[in-house]
Amino acid sequence: MIILGIETSTRIGSVALADKGEILVEADLSGVMNHSEKLLPAIEKIMAARKIGFAEIGRIAVSTGPGSFTGLRIGLTVARTLAQMLRKKVVGIPTLDCLAAMVPTREGLICPLISAIQGQVYYALYQCSAGQRPKKITDYRLAPIKELEQDLKNRRQKVIFTGEALFSIQASLPQSFNDKTSFAAPEVWRPTAAWISLLGSWYKPQLWVSLVPYYIRPSEAEWQWQLNRRDWL
């Protein structure tokens, strides 16, 4: 079954095709974040490169967040539209799940981190053992680094950090955590459509109408509106 993967939760989005656990092709949406202009042409390009028609797609997998609010809306809109037009089912893949699955060393805890506002991070913890898929043992969380630090200290386990937040906060983490801390290679810090398409066969498919983004927090505009409304009341 050919799976179309769409990843737009971060600044550098991507699209990919996978079949039977093998990546057929992948392309980045390079440059500044303008996924709305590049996403559909990129999908058409990779399908043409492999001479695959839309009718041959068996399923559409897409990252659902957390991440860029605008990017997620664009990716999910395209996935929903294609699924509706082609009468295909979709699979929503939480971005943190994708990042955890991308880590090749799977012993101890994996902690993917995604940047959020006001110095906070999105994260979840995954228990891993050799030869097994990562198992999520917490809910998806939005918290300051100090709260994450306390969470991990209480668990007293080896922790492997990954995720795009490390591009900006990696230097500060070793000062906060114990000597059991390690980092995944930078090459797997950003989620990719290749992995989204692979994970599309792991998760239960759903109807396009039930596909929604997972933001965890309100958007900055909604947040400001709530603050202004509170002041006005």
C-alpha atoms as a PDB file:
ATOM      1  CA  MET A   1       0.000   0.000   0.000  1.00  0.00           C
ATOM      2  CA  ILE A   2       1.423   3.353  -1.038  1.00  0.00           C
ATOM      3  CA  ILE A   3       1.239   5.998   1.699  1.00  0.00           C
ATOM      4  CA  LEU A   4       1.591   9.713   1.059  1.00  0.00           C
ATOM      5  CA  GLY A   5       3.280  11.466   3.987  1.00  0.00           C
ATOM      6  CA  ILE A   6       2.916  15.186   4.719  1.00  0.00           C
ATOM      7  CA  GLU A   7       4.941  17.015   7.381  1.00  0.00           C
ATOM      8  CA  THR A   8       4.389  20.752   7.913  1.00  0.00           C
ATOM      9  CA  SER A   9       4.677  21.182  11.681  1.00  0.00           C
ATOM     10  CA  THR A  10       8.101  22.843  11.469  1.00  0.00           C
ATOM     11  CA  ARG A  11       9.807  25.530   9.378  1.00  0.00           C
ATOM     12  CA  ILE A  12      11.216  22.977   6.941  1.00  0.00           C
ATOM     13  CA  GLY A  13       8.312  20.823   5.796  1.00  0.00           C
ATOM     14  CA  SER A  14       8.477  17.784   3.543  1.00  0.00           C
ATOM     15  CA  VAL A  15       6.450  15.263   1.555  1.00  0.00           C
ATOM     16  CA  ALA A  16       7.183  11.597   0.882  1.00  0.00           C
ATOM     17  CA  LEU A  17       5.858   8.339  -0.503  1.00  0.00           C
ATOM     18  CA  ALA A  18       6.342   4.965   1.187  1.00  0.00           C
ATOM     19  CA  ASP A  19       5.315   1.455   0.227  1.00  0.00           C
ATOM     20  CA  LYS A  20       5.584  -1.693   2.356  1.00  0.00           C
ATOM     21  CA  GLY A  21       7.891  -0.067   4.871  1.00  0.00           C
ATOM     22  CA  GLU A  22      10.235   1.393   2.264  1.00  0.00           C
ATOM     23  CA  ILE A  23      10.675   5.065   1.404  1.00  0.00           C
ATOM     24  CA  LEU A  24      10.138   5.586  -2.321  1.00  0.00           C
ATOM     25  CA  VAL A  25      10.861   9.307  -2.513  1.00  0.00           C
ATOM     26  CA  GLU A  26      11.013  12.388  -0.283  1.00  0.00           C
ATOM     27  CA  ALA A  27      11.278  16.123  -0.966  1.00  0.00           C
ATOM     28  CA  ASP A  28      11.787  19.095   1.368  1.00  0.00           C
ATOM     29  CA  LEU A  29       9.768  22.288   1.198  1.00  0.00           C
ATOM     30  CA  SER A  30      12.984  24.274   1.423  1.00  0.00           C
ATOM     31  CA  GLY A  31      13.363  27.959   2.166  1.00  0.00           C
ATOM     32  CA  VAL A  32      11.216  30.157   4.368  1.00  0.00           C
ATOM     33  CA  MET A  33       7.950  28.764   5.623  1.00  0.00           C
ATOM     34  CA  ASN A  34       5.530  29.171   2.743  1.00  0.00           C
ATOM     35  CA  HIS A  35       4.027  25.702   2.780  1.00  0.00           C
ATOM     36  CA  SER A  36       0.816  27.011   1.232  1.00  0.00           C
ATOM     37  CA  GLU A  37       2.641  27.717  -2.043  1.00  0.00           C
ATOM     38  CA  LYS A  38       4.969  24.703  -2.112  1.00  0.00           C
ATOM     39  CA  LEU A  39       3.015  21.782  -0.680  1.00  0.00           C
ATOM     40  CA  LEU A  40       0.794  20.713  -3.588  1.00  0.00           C
ATOM     41  CA  PRO A  41       3.472  21.251  -6.272  1.00  0.00           C
ATOM     42  CA  ALA A  42       5.885  19.174  -4.179  1.00  0.00           C
ATOM     43  CA  ILE A  43       3.362  16.343  -3.901  1.00  0.00           C
ATOM     44  CA  GLU A  44       2.751  16.407  -7.642  1.00  0.00           C
ATOM     45  CA  LYS A  45       6.513  16.429  -8.281  1.00  0.00           C
ATOM     46  CA  ILE A  46       7.353  13.350  -6.180  1.00  0.00           C
ATOM     47  CA  MET A  47       4.419  11.432  -7.616  1.00  0.00           C
ATOM     48  CA  ALA A  48       5.508  12.269 -11.154  1.00  0.00           C
ATOM     49  CA  ALA A  49       9.086  11.247 -10.314  1.00  0.00           C
ATOM     50  CA  ARG A  50       7.883   7.785  -9.344  1.00  0.00           C
ATOM     51  CA  LYS A  51       5.163   7.685 -12.027  1.00  0.00           C
ATOM     52  CA  ILE A  52       2.483   7.161  -9.392  1.00  0.00           C
ATOM     53  CA  GLY A  53      -1.073   8.380  -9.892  1.00  0.00           C
ATOM     54  CA  PHE A  54      -3.336   9.686  -7.147  1.00  0.00           C
ATOM     55  CA  ALA A  55      -5.577   6.644  -7.554  1.00  0.00           C
ATOM     56  CA  GLU A  56      -2.653   4.433  -6.454  1.00  0.00           C
ATOM     57  CA  ILE A  57      -2.363   6.115  -3.060  1.00  0.00           C
ATOM     58  CA  GLY A  58      -3.819   3.849  -0.407  1.00  0.00           C
ATOM     59  CA  ARG A  59      -3.615   6.173   2.568  1.00  0.00           C
ATOM     60  CA  ILE A  60      -2.557   9.711   3.501  1.00  0.00           C
ATOM     61  CA  ALA A  61      -0.505  10.293   6.664  1.00  0.00           C
ATOM     62  CA  VAL A  62       0.032  13.778   8.055  1.00  0.00           C
ATOM     63  CA  SER A  63       1.633  15.293  11.147  1.00  0.00           C
ATOM     64  CA  THR A  64      -0.968  16.732  13.527  1.00  0.00           C
ATOM     65  CA  GLY A  65       1.229  18.699  15.923  1.00  0.00           C
ATOM     66  CA  PRO A  66       2.163  20.285  18.154  1.00  0.00           C
ATOM     67  CA  GLY A  67       4.159  22.715  16.069  1.00  0.00           C
ATOM     68  CA  SER A  68       3.628  25.673  13.798  1.00  0.00           C
ATOM     69  CA  PHE A  69      -0.037  26.646  13.893  1.00  0.00           C
ATOM     70  CA  THR A  70       0.009  27.914  10.312  1.00  0.00           C
ATOM     71  CA  GLY A  71       2.007  24.986   8.982  1.00  0.00           C
ATOM     72  CA  LEU A  72      -0.260  22.432  10.638  1.00  0.00           C
ATOM     73  CA  ARG A  73      -3.395  24.066   9.265  1.00  0.00           C
ATOM     74  CA  ILE A  74      -1.982  23.990   5.740  1.00  0.00           C
ATOM     75  CA  GLY A  75      -0.817  20.379   5.947  1.00  0.00           C
ATOM     76  CA  LEU A  76      -4.056  19.108   7.426  1.00  0.00           C
ATOM     77  CA  THR A  77      -6.176  21.083   4.968  1.00  0.00           C
ATOM     78  CA  VAL A  78      -4.334  19.523   2.022  1.00  0.00           C
ATOM     79  CA  ALA A  79      -4.548  16.044   3.578  1.00  0.00           C
ATOM     80  CA  ARG A  80      -8.270  16.403   4.265  1.00  0.00           C
ATOM     81  CA  THR A  81      -8.952  17.767   0.784  1.00  0.00           C
ATOM     82  CA  LEU A  82      -7.037  15.002  -0.984  1.00  0.00           C
ATOM     83  CA  ALA A  83      -8.643  12.322   1.197  1.00  0.00           C
ATOM     84  CA  GLN A  84     -12.099  13.679   0.448  1.00  0.00           C
ATOM     85  CA  MET A  85     -11.493  13.935  -3.288  1.00  0.00           C
ATOM     86  CA  LEU A  86      -9.797  10.539  -3.591  1.00  0.00           C
ATOM     87  CA  ARG A  87     -12.069   8.833  -1.058  1.00  0.00           C
ATOM     88  CA  LYS A  88      -9.074   7.684   0.964  1.00  0.00           C
ATOM     89  CA  LYS A  89      -8.612   7.328   4.693  1.00  0.00           C
ATOM     90  CA  VAL A  90      -6.080   9.399   6.594  1.00  0.00           C
ATOM     91  CA  VAL A  91      -3.763   8.863   9.539  1.00  0.00           C
ATOM     92  CA  GLY A  92      -2.916  11.688  11.912  1.00  0.00           C
ATOM     93  CA  ILE A  93       0.567  11.293  13.420  1.00  0.00           C
ATOM     94  CA  PRO A  94       1.432  13.348  16.533  1.00  0.00           C
ATOM     95  CA  THR A  95       4.685  15.167  15.828  1.00  0.00           C
ATOM     96  CA  LEU A  96       6.253  14.080  19.123  1.00  0.00           C
ATOM     97  CA  ASP A  97       5.531  10.422  18.264  1.00  0.00           C
ATOM     98  CA  CYS A  98       7.329  10.887  14.961  1.00  0.00           C
ATOM     99  CA  LEU A  99      10.395  12.386  16.636  1.00  0.00           C
ATOM    100  CA  ALA A 100      10.558   9.558  19.178  1.00  0.00           C
ATOM    101  CA  ALA A 101      10.331   6.908  16.450  1.00  0.00           C
ATOM    102  CA  MET A 102      13.194   8.519  14.525  1.00  0.00           C
ATOM    103  CA  VAL A 103      15.741   7.947  17.311  1.00  0.00           C
ATOM    104  CA  PRO A 104      17.819   4.884  16.364  1.00  0.00           C
ATOM    105  CA  THR A 105      19.070   4.112  19.902  1.00  0.00           C
ATOM    106  CA  ARG A 106      16.156   2.874  21.947  1.00  0.00           C
ATOM    107  CA  GLU A 107      17.245   2.183  25.516  1.00  0.00           C
ATOM    108  CA  GLY A 108      15.755   4.123  28.428  1.00  0.00           C
ATOM    109  CA  LEU A 109      13.617   7.205  27.963  1.00  0.00           C
ATOM    110  CA  ILE A 110      13.312   9.278  24.801  1.00  0.00           C
ATOM    111  CA  CYS A 111      12.235  12.875  25.273  1.00  0.00           C
ATOM    112  CA  PRO A 112      11.401  14.797  22.069  1.00  0.00           C
ATOM    113  CA  LEU A 113      11.249  18.579  22.483  1.00  0.00           C
ATOM    114  CA  ILE A 114       9.469  21.151  20.313  1.00  0.00           C
ATOM    115  CA  SER A 115       9.852  24.883  20.913  1.00  0.00           C
ATOM    116  CA  ALA A 116       6.862  26.815  22.230  1.00  0.00           C
ATOM    117  CA  ILE A 117       6.232  30.377  23.359  1.00  0.00           C
ATOM    118  CA  GLN A 118       7.664  32.078  26.458  1.00  0.00           C
ATOM    119  CA  GLY A 119      10.592  29.685  26.879  1.00  0.00           C
ATOM    120  CA  GLN A 120       8.385  26.605  27.164  1.00  0.00           C
ATOM    121  CA  VAL A 121       8.626  23.314  25.294  1.00  0.00           C
ATOM    122  CA  TYR A 122       6.211  20.677  24.100  1.00  0.00           C
ATOM    123  CA  TYR A 123       7.309  17.220  25.177  1.00  0.00           C
ATOM    124  CA  ALA A 124       6.283  13.673  26.011  1.00  0.00           C
ATOM    125  CA  LEU A 125       8.255  10.755  27.417  1.00  0.00           C
ATOM    126  CA  TYR A 126       8.628   7.410  25.681  1.00  0.00           C
ATOM    127  CA  GLN A 127       9.917   4.197  27.228  1.00  0.00           C
ATOM    128  CA  CYS A 128      12.138   2.274  24.857  1.00  0.00           C
ATOM    129  CA  SER A 129      13.935  -1.048  24.669  1.00  0.00           C
ATOM    130  CA  ALA A 130      15.956  -2.663  21.891  1.00  0.00           C
ATOM    131  CA  GLY A 131      13.874  -3.926  18.996  1.00  0.00           C
ATOM    132  CA  GLN A 132      10.642  -2.352  20.292  1.00  0.00           C
ATOM    133  CA  ARG A 133       8.630   0.642  19.188  1.00  0.00           C
ATOM    134  CA  PRO A 134       8.725   3.618  21.578  1.00  0.00           C
ATOM    135  CA  LYS A 135       5.838   3.489  24.069  1.00  0.00           C
ATOM    136  CA  LYS A 136       4.438   6.812  25.258  1.00  0.00           C
ATOM    137  CA  ILE A 137       4.255   6.858  29.061  1.00  0.00           C
ATOM    138  CA  THR A 138       3.069  10.439  29.615  1.00  0.00           C
ATOM    139  CA  ASP A 139       0.535  12.691  28.008  1.00  0.00           C
ATOM    140  CA  TYR A 140       1.627  15.425  25.585  1.00  0.00           C
ATOM    141  CA  ARG A 141       2.731  18.377  27.671  1.00  0.00           C
ATOM    142  CA  LEU A 142       3.546  22.064  27.448  1.00  0.00           C
ATOM    143  CA  ALA A 143       5.859  23.152  30.246  1.00  0.00           C
ATOM    144  CA  PRO A 144       8.851  25.308  31.214  1.00  0.00           C
ATOM    145  CA  ILE A 145      12.266  23.615  31.185  1.00  0.00           C
ATOM    146  CA  LYS A 146      12.326  23.603  35.003  1.00  0.00           C
ATOM    147  CA  GLU A 147       9.154  21.510  35.125  1.00  0.00           C
ATOM    148  CA  LEU A 148      10.579  19.077  32.587  1.00  0.00           C
ATOM    149  CA  GLU A 149      13.773  18.889  34.657  1.00  0.00           C
ATOM    150  CA  GLN A 150      11.849  17.910  37.777  1.00  0.00           C
ATOM    151  CA  ASP A 151       9.816  15.333  35.875  1.00  0.00           C
ATOM    152  CA  LEU A 152      12.964  13.611  34.644  1.00  0.00           C
ATOM    153  CA  LYS A 153      14.796  13.796  37.966  1.00  0.00           C
ATOM    154  CA  ASN A 154      11.915  11.985  39.629  1.00  0.00           C
ATOM    155  CA  ARG A 155      12.217   9.124  37.137  1.00  0.00           C
ATOM    156  CA  ARG A 156      15.989   8.621  37.522  1.00  0.00           C
ATOM    157  CA  GLN A 157      16.444   6.975  34.133  1.00  0.00           C
ATOM    158  CA  LYS A 158      18.742   7.473  31.175  1.00  0.00           C
ATOM    159  CA  VAL A 159      17.230  10.117  28.889  1.00  0.00           C
ATOM    160  CA  ILE A 160      17.854  10.686  25.194  1.00  0.00           C
ATOM    161  CA  PHE A 161      16.796  14.146  24.016  1.00  0.00           C
ATOM    162  CA  THR A 162      15.722  14.872  20.468  1.00  0.00           C
ATOM    163  CA  GLY A 163      13.603  17.458  18.652  1.00  0.00           C
ATOM    164  CA  GLU A 164      13.972  20.793  16.917  1.00  0.00           C
ATOM    165  CA  ALA A 165      13.988  22.721  20.208  1.00  0.00           C
ATOM    166  CA  LEU A 166      17.549  21.443  20.715  1.00  0.00           C
ATOM    167  CA  PHE A 167      18.793  23.772  17.988  1.00  0.00           C
ATOM    168  CA  SER A 168      18.241  26.623  20.440  1.00  0.00           C
ATOM    169  CA  ILE A 169      18.343  25.095  23.945  1.00  0.00           C
ATOM    170  CA  GLN A 170      20.784  22.172  23.758  1.00  0.00           C
ATOM    171  CA  ALA A 171      23.630  24.128  25.374  1.00  0.00           C
ATOM    172  CA  SER A 172      21.587  24.771  28.512  1.00  0.00           C
ATOM    173  CA  LEU A 173      20.311  21.235  29.059  1.00  0.00           C
ATOM    174  CA  PRO A 174      23.522  19.504  30.259  1.00  0.00           C
ATOM    175  CA  GLN A 175      23.691  22.034  33.109  1.00  0.00           C
ATOM    176  CA  SER A 176      20.223  21.065  34.270  1.00  0.00           C
ATOM    177  CA  PHE A 177      20.207  17.272  33.978  1.00  0.00           C
ATOM    178  CA  ASN A 178      22.343  14.478  35.339  1.00  0.00           C
ATOM    179  CA  ASP A 179      25.118  12.520  33.622  1.00  0.00           C
ATOM    180  CA  LYS A 180      22.579  10.064  32.174  1.00  0.00           C
ATOM    181  CA  THR A 181      21.590  12.675  29.602  1.00  0.00           C
ATOM    182  CA  SER A 182      22.460  12.153  25.935  1.00  0.00           C
ATOM    183  CA  PHE A 183      21.354  13.588  22.612  1.00  0.00           C
ATOM    184  CA  ALA A 184      20.176  12.047  19.386  1.00  0.00           C
ATOM    185  CA  ALA A 185      22.100  13.040  16.262  1.00  0.00           C
ATOM    186  CA  PRO A 186      21.040  16.461  14.873  1.00  0.00           C
ATOM    187  CA  GLU A 187      19.954  14.736  11.655  1.00  0.00           C
ATOM    188  CA  VAL A 188      16.846  13.413  13.443  1.00  0.00           C
ATOM    189  CA  TRP A 189      15.895  16.537  15.363  1.00  0.00           C
ATOM    190  CA  ARG A 190      13.313  17.594  12.797  1.00  0.00           C
ATOM    191  CA  PRO A 191      10.316  15.419  11.889  1.00  0.00           C
ATOM    192  CA  THR A 192      10.224  14.246   8.283  1.00  0.00           C
ATOM    193  CA  ALA A 193       7.516  13.187   5.881  1.00  0.00           C
ATOM    194  CA  ALA A 194       9.490   9.996   5.271  1.00  0.00           C
ATOM    195  CA  TRP A 195       8.876   8.922   8.847  1.00  0.00           C
ATOM    196  CA  ILE A 196       5.308  10.233   8.792  1.00  0.00           C
ATOM    197  CA  SER A 197       4.621   7.984   5.785  1.00  0.00           C
ATOM    198  CA  LEU A 198       6.266   4.983   7.493  1.00  0.00           C
ATOM    199  CA  LEU A 199       4.269   5.528  10.670  1.00  0.00           C
ATOM    200  CA  GLY A 200       1.133   5.742   8.561  1.00  0.00           C
ATOM    201  CA  SER A 201       1.020   1.947   8.531  1.00  0.00           C
ATOM    202  CA  TRP A 202       1.371   1.705  12.340  1.00  0.00           C
ATOM    203  CA  TYR A 203      -1.640   3.810  13.260  1.00  0.00           C
ATOM    204  CA  LYS A 204      -5.326   3.165  12.811  1.00  0.00           C
ATOM    205  CA  PRO A 205      -6.710   5.061   9.787  1.00  0.00           C
ATOM    206  CA  GLN A 206      -9.586   7.479  10.182  1.00  0.00           C
ATOM    207  CA  LEU A 207     -12.079   9.393   8.065  1.00  0.00           C
ATOM    208  CA  TRP A 208     -10.937  12.794   6.814  1.00  0.00           C
ATOM    209  CA  VAL A 209     -13.709  14.608   8.712  1.00  0.00           C
ATOM    210  CA  SER A 210     -12.189  13.521  12.044  1.00  0.00           C
ATOM    211  CA  LEU A 211      -8.679  14.765  11.232  1.00  0.00           C
ATOM    212  CA  VAL A 212      -7.831  17.797  13.378  1.00  0.00           C
ATOM    213  CA  PRO A 213      -4.614  19.513  14.512  1.00  0.00           C
ATOM    214  CA  TYR A 214      -3.282  18.970  18.022  1.00  0.00           C
ATOM    215  CA  TYR A 215      -2.136  22.347  19.287  1.00  0.00           C
ATOM    216  CA  ILE A 216      -2.058  21.704  23.094  1.00  0.00           C
ATOM    217  CA  ARG A 217      -2.221  25.463  23.659  1.00  0.00           C
ATOM    218  CA  PRO A 218      -4.251  28.297  22.100  1.00  0.00           C
ATOM    219  CA  SER A 219      -2.653  30.277  19.272  1.00  0.00           C
ATOM    220  CA  GLU A 220      -0.942  33.564  20.163  1.00  0.00           C
ATOM    221  CA  ALA A 221      -3.907  35.479  18.712  1.00  0.00           C
ATOM    222  CA  GLU A 222      -6.362  33.483  20.825  1.00  0.00           C
ATOM    223  CA  TRP A 223      -4.130  33.910  23.863  1.00  0.00           C
ATOM    224  CA  GLN A 224      -4.031  37.685  23.406  1.00  0.00           C
ATOM    225  CA  TRP A 225      -7.783  37.811  22.858  1.00  0.00           C
ATOM    226  CA  GLN A 226      -8.354  35.980  26.145  1.00  0.00           C
ATOM    227  CA  LEU A 227      -6.027  38.401  27.969  1.00  0.00           C
ATOM    228  CA  ASN A 228      -7.765  41.429  26.463  1.00  0.00           C
ATOM    229  CA  ARG A 229     -11.182  40.009  27.265  1.00  0.00           C
ATOM    230  CA  ARG A 230     -10.137  39.344  30.865  1.00  0.00           C
ATOM    231  CA  ASP A 231      -8.909  42.939  31.215  1.00  0.00           C
ATOM    232  CA  TRP A 232     -12.119  44.281  29.702  1.00  0.00           C
ATOM    233  CA  LEU A 233     -14.294  42.207  32.068  1.00  0.00           C
END
